[in-house]
Amino acid sequence: NSLRPEDTAVYYCYVGFFGVDYWGQGTQVTVV
């Protein structure tokens, strides 16, 4: 909420289990 231009980034999903990390491919968020 209340998004700002500085929130513009690629957002990556993260999951972890017993020290092993996995990442999503990323989704672009652009705030103008």
PDB file of all heavy atoms in Angstrom:
ATOM      1  N   ASN A   1       0.833  -1.200   0.000  1.00  0.00           N
ATOM      2  CA  ASN A   1       0.000   0.000   0.000  1.00  0.00           C
ATOM      3  C   ASN A   1       0.869   1.251   0.000  1.00  0.00           C
ATOM      4  O   ASN A   1       2.052   1.197   0.319  1.00  0.00           O
ATOM      5  CB  ASN A   1      -0.918   0.007   1.224  1.00  0.00           C
ATOM      6  CG  ASN A   1      -1.877  -1.155   1.253  1.00  0.00           C
ATOM      7  OD1 ASN A   1      -2.338  -1.625   0.207  1.00  0.00           O
ATOM      8  ND2 ASN A   1      -2.196  -1.638   2.442  1.00  0.00           N
ATOM      9  N   SER A   2       0.242   2.364  -0.345  1.00  0.00           N
ATOM     10  CA  SER A   2       0.932   3.662  -0.354  1.00  0.00           C
ATOM     11  C   SER A   2       2.266   3.570  -1.092  1.00  0.00           C
ATOM     12  O   SER A   2       3.306   4.015  -0.598  1.00  0.00           O
ATOM     13  CB  SER A   2       1.152   4.155   1.080  1.00  0.00           C
ATOM     14  OG  SER A   2      -0.072   4.267   1.771  1.00  0.00           O
ATOM     15  N   LEU A   3       2.219   2.998  -2.261  1.00  0.00           N
ATOM     16  CA  LEU A   3       3.448   2.762  -3.021  1.00  0.00           C
ATOM     17  C   LEU A   3       4.110   4.062  -3.446  1.00  0.00           C
ATOM     18  O   LEU A   3       3.434   5.071  -3.739  1.00  0.00           O
ATOM     19  CB  LEU A   3       3.160   1.875  -4.223  1.00  0.00           C
ATOM     20  CG  LEU A   3       2.975   0.393  -3.865  1.00  0.00           C
ATOM     21  CD1 LEU A   3       2.263  -0.349  -4.991  1.00  0.00           C
ATOM     22  CD2 LEU A   3       4.315  -0.248  -3.564  1.00  0.00           C
ATOM     23  N   ARG A   4       5.428   4.005  -3.485  1.00  0.00           N
ATOM     24  CA  ARG A   4       6.250   5.166  -3.842  1.00  0.00           C
ATOM     25  C   ARG A   4       7.157   4.800  -5.001  1.00  0.00           C
ATOM     26  O   ARG A   4       7.461   3.619  -5.208  1.00  0.00           O
ATOM     27  CB  ARG A   4       7.108   5.570  -2.633  1.00  0.00           C
ATOM     28  CG  ARG A   4       6.320   5.814  -1.364  1.00  0.00           C
ATOM     29  CD  ARG A   4       7.243   5.867  -0.162  1.00  0.00           C
ATOM     30  NE  ARG A   4       6.518   6.101   1.092  1.00  0.00           N
ATOM     31  CZ  ARG A   4       7.057   5.966   2.295  1.00  0.00           C
ATOM     32  NH1 ARG A   4       8.337   5.630   2.409  1.00  0.00           N
ATOM     33  NH2 ARG A   4       6.325   6.188   3.374  1.00  0.00           N
ATOM     34  N   PRO A   5       7.631   5.794  -5.738  1.00  0.00           N
ATOM     35  CA  PRO A   5       8.556   5.488  -6.847  1.00  0.00           C
ATOM     36  C   PRO A   5       9.777   4.680  -6.389  1.00  0.00           C
ATOM     37  O   PRO A   5      10.269   3.832  -7.155  1.00  0.00           O
ATOM     38  CB  PRO A   5       8.952   6.874  -7.347  1.00  0.00           C
ATOM     39  CG  PRO A   5       7.761   7.730  -7.049  1.00  0.00           C
ATOM     40  CD  PRO A   5       7.240   7.214  -5.739  1.00  0.00           C
ATOM     41  N   GLU A   6      10.238   4.886  -5.178  1.00  0.00           N
ATOM     42  CA  GLU A   6      11.408   4.138  -4.703  1.00  0.00           C
ATOM     43  C   GLU A   6      11.099   2.678  -4.406  1.00  0.00           C
ATOM     44  O   GLU A   6      12.016   1.897  -4.122  1.00  0.00           O
ATOM     45  CB  GLU A   6      12.007   4.798  -3.448  1.00  0.00           C
ATOM     46  CG  GLU A   6      11.025   5.030  -2.313  1.00  0.00           C
ATOM     47  CD  GLU A   6      10.454   6.442  -2.309  1.00  0.00           C
ATOM     48  OE1 GLU A   6      10.175   6.996  -3.404  1.00  0.00           O
ATOM     49  OE2 GLU A   6      10.273   6.982  -1.199  1.00  0.00           O
ATOM     50  N   ASP A   7       9.846   2.295  -4.472  1.00  0.00           N
ATOM     51  CA  ASP A   7       9.481   0.877  -4.354  1.00  0.00           C
ATOM     52  C   ASP A   7       9.627   0.137  -5.685  1.00  0.00           C
ATOM     53  O   ASP A   7       9.451  -1.087  -5.733  1.00  0.00           O
ATOM     54  CB  ASP A   7       8.037   0.735  -3.862  1.00  0.00           C
ATOM     55  CG  ASP A   7       7.844   1.262  -2.446  1.00  0.00           C
ATOM     56  OD1 ASP A   7       8.715   1.005  -1.594  1.00  0.00           O
ATOM     57  OD2 ASP A   7       6.818   1.935  -2.211  1.00  0.00           O
ATOM     58  N   THR A   8       9.923   0.867  -6.740  1.00  0.00           N
ATOM     59  CA  THR A   8      10.117   0.245  -8.048  1.00  0.00           C
ATOM     60  C   THR A   8      11.280  -0.740  -7.991  1.00  0.00           C
ATOM     61  O   THR A   8      12.390  -0.381  -7.578  1.00  0.00           O
ATOM     62  CB  THR A   8      10.381   1.314  -9.118  1.00  0.00           C
ATOM     63  OG1 THR A   8       9.211   2.129  -9.259  1.00  0.00           O
ATOM     64  CG2 THR A   8      10.737   0.673 -10.450  1.00  0.00           C
ATOM     65  N   ALA A   9      11.004  -1.976  -8.383  1.00  0.00           N
ATOM     66  CA  ALA A   9      12.016  -3.034  -8.301  1.00  0.00           C
ATOM     67  C   ALA A   9      11.438  -4.311  -8.894  1.00  0.00           C
ATOM     68  O   ALA A   9      10.233  -4.398  -9.169  1.00  0.00           O
ATOM     69  CB  ALA A   9      12.424  -3.281  -6.861  1.00  0.00           C
ATOM     70  N   VAL A  10      12.322  -5.281  -9.063  1.00  0.00           N
ATOM     71  CA  VAL A  10      11.867  -6.638  -9.329  1.00  0.00           C
ATOM     72  C   VAL A  10      11.693  -7.317  -7.973  1.00  0.00           C
ATOM     73  O   VAL A  10      12.617  -7.309  -7.150  1.00  0.00           O
ATOM     74  CB  VAL A  10      12.867  -7.415 -10.196  1.00  0.00           C
ATOM     75  CG1 VAL A  10      12.390  -8.850 -10.394  1.00  0.00           C
ATOM     76  CG2 VAL A  10      13.055  -6.729 -11.547  1.00  0.00           C
ATOM     77  N   TYR A  11      10.519  -7.868  -7.761  1.00  0.00           N
ATOM     78  CA  TYR A  11      10.205  -8.520  -6.493  1.00  0.00           C
ATOM     79  C   TYR A  11      10.311 -10.034  -6.689  1.00  0.00           C
ATOM     80  O   TYR A  11       9.693 -10.597  -7.593  1.00  0.00           O
ATOM     81  CB  TYR A  11       8.804  -8.125  -6.031  1.00  0.00           C
ATOM     82  CG  TYR A  11       8.775  -6.725  -5.465  1.00  0.00           C
ATOM     83  CD1 TYR A  11       8.929  -5.616  -6.296  1.00  0.00           C
ATOM     84  CD2 TYR A  11       8.601  -6.501  -4.104  1.00  0.00           C
ATOM     85  CE1 TYR A  11       8.928  -4.332  -5.777  1.00  0.00           C
ATOM     86  CE2 TYR A  11       8.593  -5.212  -3.571  1.00  0.00           C
ATOM     87  CZ  TYR A  11       8.762  -4.141  -4.419  1.00  0.00           C
ATOM     88  OH  TYR A  11       8.752  -2.862  -3.898  1.00  0.00           O
ATOM     89  N   TYR A  12      11.088 -10.660  -5.806  1.00  0.00           N
ATOM     90  CA  TYR A  12      11.353 -12.087  -5.911  1.00  0.00           C
ATOM     91  C   TYR A  12      10.691 -12.833  -4.758  1.00  0.00           C
ATOM     92  O   TYR A  12      10.868 -12.483  -3.585  1.00  0.00           O
ATOM     93  CB  TYR A  12      12.852 -12.366  -5.873  1.00  0.00           C
ATOM     94  CG  TYR A  12      13.603 -11.836  -7.057  1.00  0.00           C
ATOM     95  CD1 TYR A  12      14.177 -10.567  -7.047  1.00  0.00           C
ATOM     96  CD2 TYR A  12      13.752 -12.610  -8.209  1.00  0.00           C
ATOM     97  CE1 TYR A  12      14.870 -10.079  -8.137  1.00  0.00           C
ATOM     98  CE2 TYR A  12      14.444 -12.130  -9.306  1.00  0.00           C
ATOM     99  CZ  TYR A  12      15.003 -10.866  -9.263  1.00  0.00           C
ATOM    100  OH  TYR A  12      15.681 -10.389 -10.348  1.00  0.00           O
ATOM    101  N   CYS A  13       9.969 -13.847  -5.105  1.00  0.00           N
ATOM    102  CA  CYS A  13       9.428 -14.759  -4.104  1.00  0.00           C
ATOM    103  C   CYS A  13      10.567 -15.621  -3.556  1.00  0.00           C
ATOM    104  O   CYS A  13      11.457 -16.039  -4.306  1.00  0.00           O
ATOM    105  CB  CYS A  13       8.367 -15.638  -4.760  1.00  0.00           C
ATOM    106  SG  CYS A  13       7.648 -16.875  -3.659  1.00  0.00           S
ATOM    107  N   TYR A  14      10.507 -15.876  -2.269  1.00  0.00           N
ATOM    108  CA  TYR A  14      11.526 -16.678  -1.601  1.00  0.00           C
ATOM    109  C   TYR A  14      10.842 -17.737  -0.734  1.00  0.00           C
ATOM    110  O   TYR A  14       9.855 -17.442  -0.057  1.00  0.00           O
ATOM    111  CB  TYR A  14      12.388 -15.784  -0.712  1.00  0.00           C
ATOM    112  CG  TYR A  14      13.118 -16.532   0.370  1.00  0.00           C
ATOM    113  CD1 TYR A  14      14.336 -17.141   0.118  1.00  0.00           C
ATOM    114  CD2 TYR A  14      12.569 -16.657   1.640  1.00  0.00           C
ATOM    115  CE1 TYR A  14      14.988 -17.854   1.114  1.00  0.00           C
ATOM    116  CE2 TYR A  14      13.208 -17.367   2.643  1.00  0.00           C
ATOM    117  CZ  TYR A  14      14.418 -17.959   2.370  1.00  0.00           C
ATOM    118  OH  TYR A  14      15.055 -18.671   3.354  1.00  0.00           O
ATOM    119  N   VAL A  15      11.374 -18.950  -0.788  1.00  0.00           N
ATOM    120  CA  VAL A  15      10.952 -19.979   0.153  1.00  0.00           C
ATOM    121  C   VAL A  15      12.187 -20.681   0.673  1.00  0.00           C
ATOM    122  O   VAL A  15      13.194 -20.805  -0.024  1.00  0.00           O
ATOM    123  CB  VAL A  15       9.978 -21.011  -0.483  1.00  0.00           C
ATOM    124  CG1 VAL A  15       8.701 -20.315  -0.941  1.00  0.00           C
ATOM    125  CG2 VAL A  15      10.622 -21.754  -1.615  1.00  0.00           C
ATOM    126  N   GLY A  16      12.118 -21.126   1.911  1.00  0.00           N
ATOM    127  CA  GLY A  16      13.258 -21.791   2.514  1.00  0.00           C
ATOM    128  C   GLY A  16      12.833 -22.946   3.397  1.00  0.00           C
ATOM    129  O   GLY A  16      11.756 -22.895   4.020  1.00  0.00           O
ATOM    130  N   PHE A  17      13.680 -23.962   3.451  1.00  0.00           N
ATOM    131  CA  PHE A  17      13.370 -25.161   4.235  1.00  0.00           C
ATOM    132  C   PHE A  17      14.669 -25.818   4.629  1.00  0.00           C
ATOM    133  O   PHE A  17      15.435 -26.247   3.769  1.00  0.00           O
ATOM    134  CB  PHE A  17      12.499 -26.100   3.400  1.00  0.00           C
ATOM    135  CG  PHE A  17      11.952 -27.267   4.167  1.00  0.00           C
ATOM    136  CD1 PHE A  17      10.973 -27.068   5.123  1.00  0.00           C
ATOM    137  CD2 PHE A  17      12.409 -28.556   3.944  1.00  0.00           C
ATOM    138  CE1 PHE A  17      10.452 -28.124   5.838  1.00  0.00           C
ATOM    139  CE2 PHE A  17      11.894 -29.617   4.653  1.00  0.00           C
ATOM    140  CZ  PHE A  17      10.922 -29.408   5.600  1.00  0.00           C
ATOM    141  N   PHE A  18      14.927 -25.867   5.929  1.00  0.00           N
ATOM    142  CA  PHE A  18      16.133 -26.495   6.455  1.00  0.00           C
ATOM    143  C   PHE A  18      17.396 -25.992   5.758  1.00  0.00           C
ATOM    144  O   PHE A  18      18.237 -26.784   5.322  1.00  0.00           O
ATOM    145  CB  PHE A  18      16.045 -28.019   6.352  1.00  0.00           C
ATOM    146  CG  PHE A  18      15.112 -28.617   7.350  1.00  0.00           C
ATOM    147  CD1 PHE A  18      13.934 -29.212   6.957  1.00  0.00           C
ATOM    148  CD2 PHE A  18      15.417 -28.578   8.713  1.00  0.00           C
ATOM    149  CE1 PHE A  18      13.070 -29.762   7.897  1.00  0.00           C
ATOM    150  CE2 PHE A  18      14.553 -29.123   9.655  1.00  0.00           C
ATOM    151  CZ  PHE A  18      13.369 -29.713   9.237  1.00  0.00           C
ATOM    152  N   GLY A  19      17.477 -24.684   5.644  1.00  0.00           N
ATOM    153  CA  GLY A  19      18.694 -24.080   5.129  1.00  0.00           C
ATOM    154  C   GLY A  19      18.836 -24.055   3.630  1.00  0.00           C
ATOM    155  O   GLY A  19      19.846 -23.556   3.113  1.00  0.00           O
ATOM    156  N   VAL A  20      17.874 -24.572   2.922  1.00  0.00           N
ATOM    157  CA  VAL A  20      17.912 -24.540   1.461  1.00  0.00           C
ATOM    158  C   VAL A  20      16.941 -23.463   0.979  1.00  0.00           C
ATOM    159  O   VAL A  20      15.791 -23.430   1.406  1.00  0.00           O
ATOM    160  CB  VAL A  20      17.532 -25.900   0.860  1.00  0.00           C
ATOM    161  CG1 VAL A  20      17.607 -25.848  -0.665  1.00  0.00           C
ATOM    162  CG2 VAL A  20      18.454 -26.984   1.388  1.00  0.00           C
ATOM    163  N   ASP A  21      17.434 -22.585   0.122  1.00  0.00           N
ATOM    164  CA  ASP A  21      16.645 -21.458  -0.359  1.00  0.00           C
ATOM    165  C   ASP A  21      16.263 -21.644  -1.823  1.00  0.00           C
ATOM    166  O   ASP A  21      17.059 -22.152  -2.617  1.00  0.00           O
ATOM    167  CB  ASP A  21      17.444 -20.162  -0.227  1.00  0.00           C
ATOM    168  CG  ASP A  21      17.855 -19.885   1.206  1.00  0.00           C
ATOM    169  OD1 ASP A  21      17.144 -20.331   2.123  1.00  0.00           O
ATOM    170  OD2 ASP A  21      18.887 -19.225   1.399  1.00  0.00           O
ATOM    171  N   TYR A  22      15.075 -21.182  -2.146  1.00  0.00           N
ATOM    172  CA  TYR A  22      14.601 -21.204  -3.526  1.00  0.00           C
ATOM    173  C   TYR A  22      14.034 -19.829  -3.872  1.00  0.00           C
ATOM    174  O   TYR A  22      13.467 -19.146  -3.011  1.00  0.00           O
ATOM    175  CB  TYR A  22      13.518 -22.268  -3.711  1.00  0.00           C
ATOM    176  CG  TYR A  22      13.974 -23.668  -3.380  1.00  0.00           C
ATOM    177  CD1 TYR A  22      13.797 -24.188  -2.100  1.00  0.00           C
ATOM    178  CD2 TYR A  22      14.585 -24.465  -4.342  1.00  0.00           C
ATOM    179  CE1 TYR A  22      14.208 -25.467  -1.788  1.00  0.00           C
ATOM    180  CE2 TYR A  22      15.003 -25.751  -4.035  1.00  0.00           C
ATOM    181  CZ  TYR A  22      14.813 -26.239  -2.756  1.00  0.00           C
ATOM    182  OH  TYR A  22      15.236 -27.510  -2.448  1.00  0.00           O
ATOM    183  N   TRP A  23      14.182 -19.466  -5.139  1.00  0.00           N
ATOM    184  CA  TRP A  23      13.759 -18.139  -5.592  1.00  0.00           C
ATOM    185  C   TRP A  23      12.836 -18.246  -6.797  1.00  0.00           C
ATOM    186  O   TRP A  23      13.031 -19.111  -7.659  1.00  0.00           O
ATOM    187  CB  TRP A  23      14.981 -17.310  -5.985  1.00  0.00           C
ATOM    188  CG  TRP A  23      15.925 -17.108  -4.849  1.00  0.00           C
ATOM    189  CD1 TRP A  23      16.983 -17.889  -4.507  1.00  0.00           C
ATOM    190  CD2 TRP A  23      15.880 -16.057  -3.877  1.00  0.00           C
ATOM    191  NE1 TRP A  23      17.608 -17.391  -3.388  1.00  0.00           N
ATOM    192  CE2 TRP A  23      16.950 -16.261  -2.981  1.00  0.00           C
ATOM    193  CE3 TRP A  23      15.040 -14.957  -3.689  1.00  0.00           C
ATOM    194  CZ2 TRP A  23      17.200 -15.410  -1.913  1.00  0.00           C
ATOM    195  CZ3 TRP A  23      15.289 -14.108  -2.629  1.00  0.00           C
ATOM    196  CH2 TRP A  23      16.356 -14.332  -1.747  1.00  0.00           C
ATOM    197  N   GLY A  24      11.876 -17.339  -6.857  1.00  0.00           N
ATOM    198  CA  GLY A  24      11.054 -17.218  -8.044  1.00  0.00           C
ATOM    199  C   GLY A  24      11.791 -16.466  -9.130  1.00  0.00           C
ATOM    200  O   GLY A  24      12.906 -15.983  -8.936  1.00  0.00           O
ATOM    201  N   GLN A  25      11.138 -16.335 -10.274  1.00  0.00           N
ATOM    202  CA  GLN A  25      11.780 -15.683 -11.417  1.00  0.00           C
ATOM    203  C   GLN A  25      11.726 -14.165 -11.312  1.00  0.00           C
ATOM    204  O   GLN A  25      12.440 -13.463 -12.034  1.00  0.00           O
ATOM    205  CB  GLN A  25      11.121 -16.139 -12.730  1.00  0.00           C
ATOM    206  CG  GLN A  25       9.783 -15.463 -13.060  1.00  0.00           C
ATOM    207  CD  GLN A  25       8.613 -16.046 -12.285  1.00  0.00           C
ATOM    208  OE1 GLN A  25       8.770 -16.928 -11.441  1.00  0.00           O
ATOM    209  NE2 GLN A  25       7.420 -15.545 -12.575  1.00  0.00           N
ATOM    210  N   GLY A  26      10.902 -13.661 -10.420  1.00  0.00           N
ATOM    211  CA  GLY A  26      10.793 -12.219 -10.222  1.00  0.00           C
ATOM    212  C   GLY A  26       9.619 -11.626 -10.978  1.00  0.00           C
ATOM    213  O   GLY A  26       9.280 -12.073 -12.075  1.00  0.00           O
ATOM    214  N   THR A  27       9.025 -10.615 -10.371  1.00  0.00           N
ATOM    215  CA  THR A  27       7.935  -9.890 -11.015  1.00  0.00           C
ATOM    216  C   THR A  27       8.198  -8.401 -10.863  1.00  0.00           C
ATOM    217  O   THR A  27       8.565  -7.928  -9.781  1.00  0.00           O
ATOM    218  CB  THR A  27       6.563 -10.293 -10.425  1.00  0.00           C
ATOM    219  OG1 THR A  27       5.522  -9.643 -11.142  1.00  0.00           O
ATOM    220  CG2 THR A  27       6.443  -9.944  -8.944  1.00  0.00           C
ATOM    221  N   GLN A  28       8.035  -7.672 -11.944  1.00  0.00           N
ATOM    222  CA  GLN A  28       8.373  -6.243 -11.950  1.00  0.00           C
ATOM    223  C   GLN A  28       7.247  -5.430 -11.322  1.00  0.00           C
ATOM    224  O   GLN A  28       6.068  -5.603 -11.666  1.00  0.00           O
ATOM    225  CB  GLN A  28       8.613  -5.759 -13.378  1.00  0.00           C
ATOM    226  CG  GLN A  28       8.911  -4.275 -13.509  1.00  0.00           C
ATOM    227  CD  GLN A  28      10.265  -3.895 -12.939  1.00  0.00           C
ATOM    228  OE1 GLN A  28      11.263  -4.565 -13.183  1.00  0.00           O
ATOM    229  NE2 GLN A  28      10.298  -2.800 -12.177  1.00  0.00           N
ATOM    230  N   VAL A  29       7.623  -4.552 -10.420  1.00  0.00           N
ATOM    231  CA  VAL A  29       6.712  -3.554  -9.861  1.00  0.00           C
ATOM    232  C   VAL A  29       7.278  -2.182 -10.209  1.00  0.00           C
ATOM    233  O   VAL A  29       8.422  -1.884  -9.874  1.00  0.00           O
ATOM    234  CB  VAL A  29       6.571  -3.710  -8.341  1.00  0.00           C
ATOM    235  CG1 VAL A  29       5.795  -2.536  -7.748  1.00  0.00           C
ATOM    236  CG2 VAL A  29       5.885  -5.027  -8.008  1.00  0.00           C
ATOM    237  N   THR A  30       6.480  -1.372 -10.882  1.00  0.00           N
ATOM    238  CA  THR A  30       6.902  -0.036 -11.273  1.00  0.00           C
ATOM    239  C   THR A  30       5.902   0.966 -10.723  1.00  0.00           C
ATOM    240  O   THR A  30       4.698   0.858 -10.995  1.00  0.00           O
ATOM    241  CB  THR A  30       7.002   0.093 -12.793  1.00  0.00           C
ATOM    242  OG1 THR A  30       7.926  -0.886 -13.290  1.00  0.00           O
ATOM    243  CG2 THR A  30       7.487   1.479 -13.185  1.00  0.00           C
ATOM    244  N   VAL A  31       6.407   1.931  -9.966  1.00  0.00           N
ATOM    245  CA  VAL A  31       5.566   2.969  -9.378  1.00  0.00           C
ATOM    246  C   VAL A  31       5.922   4.292 -10.039  1.00  0.00           C
ATOM    247  O   VAL A  31       7.073   4.720 -10.002  1.00  0.00           O
ATOM    248  CB  VAL A  31       5.763   3.057  -7.860  1.00  0.00           C
ATOM    249  CG1 VAL A  31       4.780   4.068  -7.267  1.00  0.00           C
ATOM    250  CG2 VAL A  31       5.592   1.692  -7.212  1.00  0.00           C
ATOM    251  N   VAL A  32       4.934   4.927 -10.656  1.00  0.00           N
ATOM    252  CA  VAL A  32       5.168   6.184 -11.362  1.00  0.00           C
ATOM    253  C   VAL A  32       4.457   7.326 -10.638  1.00  0.00           C
ATOM    254  O   VAL A  32       3.416   7.136 -10.014  1.00  0.00           O
ATOM    255  CB  VAL A  32       4.684   6.094 -12.816  1.00  0.00           C
ATOM    256  CG1 VAL A  32       5.499   5.042 -13.568  1.00  0.00           C
ATOM    257  CG2 VAL A  32       3.201   5.764 -12.887  1.00  0.00           C
TER     258      VAL A  32
END
